[in-house]
Protein backbone atom coordinates (compact mmCIF):
# COMPACT_ATOMS: atom_id res chain seq x y z
CA UNK A 1 168.83 -40.86 17.82
CA UNK A 2 166.99 -38.73 15.28
CA UNK A 3 168.12 -35.09 15.35
CA UNK A 4 165.69 -32.28 16.11
CA UNK A 5 166.05 -29.18 13.96
CA UNK A 6 163.82 -26.34 15.18
CA UNK A 7 162.23 -24.22 12.47
CA UNK A 8 162.17 -20.65 13.81
CA UNK A 9 160.00 -19.05 11.12
CA UNK A 10 157.13 -18.54 13.57
CA UNK A 11 159.39 -16.54 15.89
CA UNK A 12 160.20 -14.25 12.98
CA UNK A 13 156.48 -13.93 12.19
CA UNK A 14 155.77 -12.85 15.76
CA UNK A 15 158.65 -10.37 15.70
CA UNK A 16 157.56 -8.87 12.39
CA UNK A 17 153.99 -8.36 13.63
CA UNK A 18 155.15 -5.42 15.76
CA UNK A 19 157.99 -4.22 13.57
CA UNK A 20 160.61 -4.36 16.30
CA UNK A 21 163.00 -6.99 17.58
CA UNK A 22 160.83 -8.80 20.11
CA UNK A 23 161.06 -11.73 20.34
CA UNK A 24 164.71 -11.62 19.37
CA UNK A 25 165.27 -14.25 16.69
CA UNK A 26 168.98 -14.66 17.33
CA UNK A 27 168.54 -15.10 21.07
CA UNK A 28 165.79 -17.65 20.46
CA UNK A 29 168.13 -19.64 18.19
CA UNK A 30 170.82 -19.54 20.88
CA UNK A 31 168.37 -20.67 23.55
CA UNK A 32 166.82 -23.64 21.72
CA UNK A 33 170.31 -24.93 20.97
CA UNK A 34 171.24 -24.49 24.61
CA UNK A 35 168.10 -26.44 25.53
CA UNK A 36 169.27 -29.36 23.36
CA UNK A 37 168.04 -28.81 19.80
CA UNK A 38 170.55 -30.23 17.34
CA UNK A 39 169.78 -27.84 14.51
CA UNK A 40 168.12 -24.63 13.38
CA UNK A 41 165.94 -24.44 10.26
CA UNK A 42 164.77 -21.33 8.44
CA UNK A 43 162.66 -20.95 5.32
CA UNK A 44 163.05 -17.48 3.83
CA UNK A 45 160.50 -16.58 1.17
CA UNK A 46 160.78 -13.91 -1.51
CA UNK A 47 158.44 -11.49 0.32
CA UNK A 48 160.41 -11.96 3.59
CA UNK A 49 157.14 -12.08 5.51
CA UNK A 50 158.80 -14.00 8.33
CA UNK A 51 162.48 -14.89 7.97
CA UNK A 52 164.39 -12.08 6.27
CA UNK A 53 167.39 -12.68 4.08
CA UNK A 54 169.48 -10.70 6.54
CA UNK A 55 168.34 -13.09 9.29
CA UNK A 56 169.93 -15.92 7.33
CA UNK A 57 173.22 -14.04 7.32
CA UNK A 58 173.01 -13.05 10.99
CA UNK A 59 172.24 -16.60 12.11
CA UNK A 60 175.41 -17.97 10.51
CA UNK A 61 177.52 -17.00 13.52
CA UNK A 62 174.80 -18.02 16.00
CA UNK A 63 174.09 -21.57 14.89
CA UNK A 64 176.69 -23.89 16.38
CA UNK A 65 174.75 -27.08 15.62
CA UNK A 66 173.36 -27.82 12.13
CA UNK A 67 172.11 -24.94 10.03
CA UNK A 68 169.39 -25.83 7.49
CA UNK A 69 168.04 -23.30 4.99
CA UNK A 70 164.89 -24.31 3.10
CA UNK A 71 163.38 -22.71 0.04
CA UNK A 72 162.58 -22.66 -3.62
CA UNK A 73 165.89 -22.37 -5.50
CA UNK A 74 165.27 -19.15 -7.40
CA UNK A 75 168.36 -17.08 -8.24
CA UNK A 76 168.10 -14.89 -5.10
CA UNK A 77 167.77 -17.94 -2.85
CA UNK A 78 170.69 -19.71 -4.54
CA UNK A 79 172.89 -16.65 -4.08
CA UNK A 80 171.93 -16.43 -0.40
CA UNK A 81 172.74 -20.09 0.27
CA UNK A 82 176.08 -19.84 -1.52
CA UNK A 83 176.91 -16.76 0.54
CA UNK A 84 175.89 -18.19 3.92
CA UNK A 85 177.03 -21.78 3.28
CA UNK A 86 174.77 -23.56 5.80
CA UNK A 87 175.24 -27.19 6.78
CA UNK A 88 172.30 -28.19 4.61
CA UNK A 89 170.02 -26.71 1.99
CA UNK A 90 166.56 -28.21 1.56
CA UNK A 91 164.94 -27.57 -1.82
CA UNK A 92 161.20 -26.94 -1.59
CA UNK A 93 158.96 -26.21 -4.62
CA UNK A 94 156.71 -23.70 -2.87
CA UNK A 95 154.95 -21.01 -4.89
CA UNK A 96 155.69 -17.35 -4.16
CA UNK A 97 152.26 -16.86 -2.55
CA UNK A 98 152.16 -20.16 -0.64
CA UNK A 99 151.16 -19.84 3.02
CA UNK A 100 153.23 -22.93 3.74
CA UNK A 101 154.79 -25.75 1.75
CA UNK A 102 152.07 -27.94 0.28
CA UNK A 103 153.75 -30.45 -2.05
CA UNK A 104 157.00 -32.18 -2.77
CA UNK A 105 159.05 -31.96 -5.96
CA UNK A 106 158.26 -33.90 -9.08
CA UNK A 107 161.81 -35.19 -9.18
CA UNK A 108 161.28 -36.83 -12.56
CA UNK A 109 159.88 -33.78 -14.37
CA UNK A 110 162.42 -31.41 -12.78
CA UNK A 111 165.38 -33.79 -12.79
CA UNK A 112 167.69 -31.65 -14.94
CA UNK A 113 166.98 -28.46 -12.99
CA UNK A 114 167.45 -30.14 -9.62
CA UNK A 115 170.62 -31.88 -10.76
CA UNK A 116 172.15 -28.57 -11.81
CA UNK A 117 171.24 -26.77 -8.59
CA UNK A 118 172.34 -29.65 -6.37
CA UNK A 119 175.66 -29.91 -8.15
CA UNK A 120 176.31 -26.22 -7.49
CA UNK A 121 175.53 -26.52 -3.78
CA UNK A 122 177.51 -29.72 -3.31
CA UNK A 123 180.55 -28.24 -5.05
CA UNK A 124 180.43 -25.57 -2.35
CA UNK A 125 180.41 -28.11 0.45
CA UNK A 126 176.70 -27.79 1.28
CA UNK A 127 174.69 -30.94 2.01
CA UNK A 128 171.54 -31.14 -0.10
CA UNK A 129 168.05 -32.43 0.58
CA UNK A 130 164.92 -32.53 -1.62
CA UNK A 131 161.38 -32.14 -0.23
CA UNK A 132 159.36 -35.08 -1.61
CA UNK A 133 155.98 -36.73 -1.32
CA UNK A 134 155.96 -40.37 -0.11
CA UNK A 135 155.91 -41.85 -3.61
CA UNK A 136 158.43 -44.52 -4.56
CA UNK A 137 159.01 -43.15 -8.06
CA UNK A 138 159.84 -39.75 -6.60
CA UNK A 139 162.42 -41.30 -4.30
CA UNK A 140 164.07 -42.97 -7.27
CA UNK A 141 163.90 -39.65 -9.13
CA UNK A 142 165.56 -37.91 -6.20
CA UNK A 143 168.43 -40.39 -6.28
CA UNK A 144 169.03 -39.55 -9.94
CA UNK A 145 169.57 -35.85 -9.12
CA UNK A 146 172.60 -36.54 -6.94
CA UNK A 147 171.02 -35.24 -3.74
CA UNK A 148 172.41 -36.36 -0.40
CA UNK A 149 169.06 -36.64 1.35
CA UNK A 150 165.32 -36.43 0.94
CA UNK A 151 162.87 -34.75 3.30
CA UNK A 152 159.57 -36.62 3.48
CA UNK A 153 156.58 -34.25 3.36
CA UNK A 154 154.54 -35.47 6.32
CA UNK A 155 151.32 -33.42 6.24
CA UNK A 156 149.22 -36.32 4.91
CA UNK A 157 150.52 -38.63 7.62
CA UNK A 158 149.89 -36.07 10.38
CA UNK A 159 146.32 -35.42 9.24
CA UNK A 160 145.39 -39.08 8.95
CA UNK A 161 147.10 -39.97 12.23
CA UNK A 162 144.99 -37.34 14.00
CA UNK A 163 141.92 -39.19 12.70
CA UNK A 164 143.19 -42.48 14.12
CA UNK A 165 144.52 -43.90 10.86
CA UNK A 166 147.90 -45.36 11.83
CA UNK A 167 148.18 -47.05 8.42
CA UNK A 168 148.92 -43.62 6.98
CA UNK A 169 152.56 -44.16 7.87
CA UNK A 170 152.97 -47.11 5.50
CA UNK A 171 153.87 -45.13 2.34
CA UNK A 172 156.51 -43.30 4.37
CA UNK A 173 157.95 -46.55 5.69
CA UNK A 174 158.12 -47.98 2.17
CA UNK A 175 159.84 -44.85 0.87
CA UNK A 176 162.30 -44.90 3.75
CA UNK A 177 163.22 -48.52 3.02
CA UNK A 178 163.82 -47.62 -0.62
CA UNK A 179 165.82 -44.52 0.30
CA UNK A 180 168.02 -46.60 2.59
CA UNK A 181 168.60 -49.07 -0.22
CA UNK A 182 169.54 -46.24 -2.58
CA UNK A 183 171.91 -44.65 -0.06
CA UNK A 184 169.81 -41.53 0.51
CA UNK A 185 169.65 -39.94 3.95
CA UNK A 186 166.15 -39.39 5.33
CA UNK A 187 164.77 -36.22 6.89
CA UNK A 188 161.11 -35.42 7.53
CA UNK A 189 158.93 -32.45 8.29
CA UNK A 190 155.55 -30.69 8.18
CA UNK A 191 152.86 -30.96 10.86
CA UNK A 192 154.90 -33.32 13.00
CA UNK A 193 154.08 -32.74 16.67
CA UNK A 194 154.39 -34.18 20.16
CA UNK A 195 151.28 -36.24 19.42
CA UNK A 196 152.65 -38.06 16.37
CA UNK A 197 156.45 -37.79 16.37
CA UNK A 198 157.23 -40.91 18.41
CA UNK A 199 155.01 -43.15 16.26
CA UNK A 200 156.42 -41.69 13.06
CA UNK A 201 160.02 -42.09 14.19
CA UNK A 202 159.45 -45.71 15.22
CA UNK A 203 158.16 -46.54 11.73
CA UNK A 204 160.83 -44.80 9.65
CA UNK A 205 164.08 -46.78 9.56
CA UNK A 206 167.19 -44.61 9.84
CA UNK A 207 165.34 -41.31 10.18
CA UNK A 208 168.20 -38.83 10.51
CA UNK A 209 166.48 -35.53 11.20
CA UNK A 210 163.09 -33.90 11.68
CA UNK A 211 162.38 -30.21 11.16
CA UNK A 212 159.60 -28.92 13.40
CA UNK A 213 158.41 -25.35 13.84
CA UNK A 214 154.70 -24.55 13.91
CA UNK A 215 153.67 -27.31 16.31
CA UNK A 216 156.72 -26.88 18.53
CA UNK A 217 156.18 -23.14 18.95
CA UNK A 218 152.44 -23.61 19.49
CA UNK A 219 153.01 -26.30 22.12
CA UNK A 220 155.54 -24.05 23.82
CA UNK A 221 152.88 -21.40 24.47
CA UNK A 222 151.42 -23.80 27.03
CA UNK A 223 154.40 -25.88 28.11
CA UNK A 224 157.44 -23.62 27.68
CA UNK A 225 160.11 -23.84 25.00
CA UNK A 226 162.80 -25.57 27.07
CA UNK A 227 160.35 -28.21 28.26
CA UNK A 228 158.98 -28.82 24.76
CA UNK A 229 162.42 -29.16 23.17
CA UNK A 230 163.32 -31.81 25.72
CA UNK A 231 159.99 -33.58 25.26
CA UNK A 232 160.79 -33.92 21.55
CA UNK A 233 164.31 -35.11 22.26
CA UNK A 234 162.95 -37.84 24.55
CA UNK A 235 160.49 -39.01 21.88
CA UNK A 236 163.21 -39.08 19.22
CA UNK A 237 165.59 -41.34 21.17
């Protein structure tokens, strides 16, 4: 079964809109785990517009499943991850002003940098993953950095699937086959939803984990968070 890691950034965004503590981020993390989610993902950004760095620290004692921290490995982010020591760190090359992640790493161009950062995290017992586009050369480049896993950036698939183009999954399948051959674990995330997750999972051999936030929270406005978490779990079997 593919694990579901719930990205709780949107809960932090809602909380921050009023400046208080409603909804309570820590209680939400407790609840989605109680409902069956097998992980919690956060993506703190330098401006802390949703997840705050202190949230990352506070969640450490709350997350009893897998704890995944995503972000661009600038010095402040690296220090945070080394302090918190989550289960996994996912390296994402997002710009400071990015609304959301919009591209994977060029693992060839940034090989030396990624290798150095990954080595530091792995020496501290933290599993590493690199956010990548579904390009075979980038998968090979990821392998050369020493990373444990890749996270396939799935926005292109999700968009094309919504238009009826099921062939959009093919590059992801090819990359997954290569990753399996190279011994890389496979995660995926970005714009995955109840509409496309089952099809995607069925076409990605050995998909270990998906990270879903925006769609899951949006769907929960209509269907309820406990119900939606279990709907995902059923589709990921």
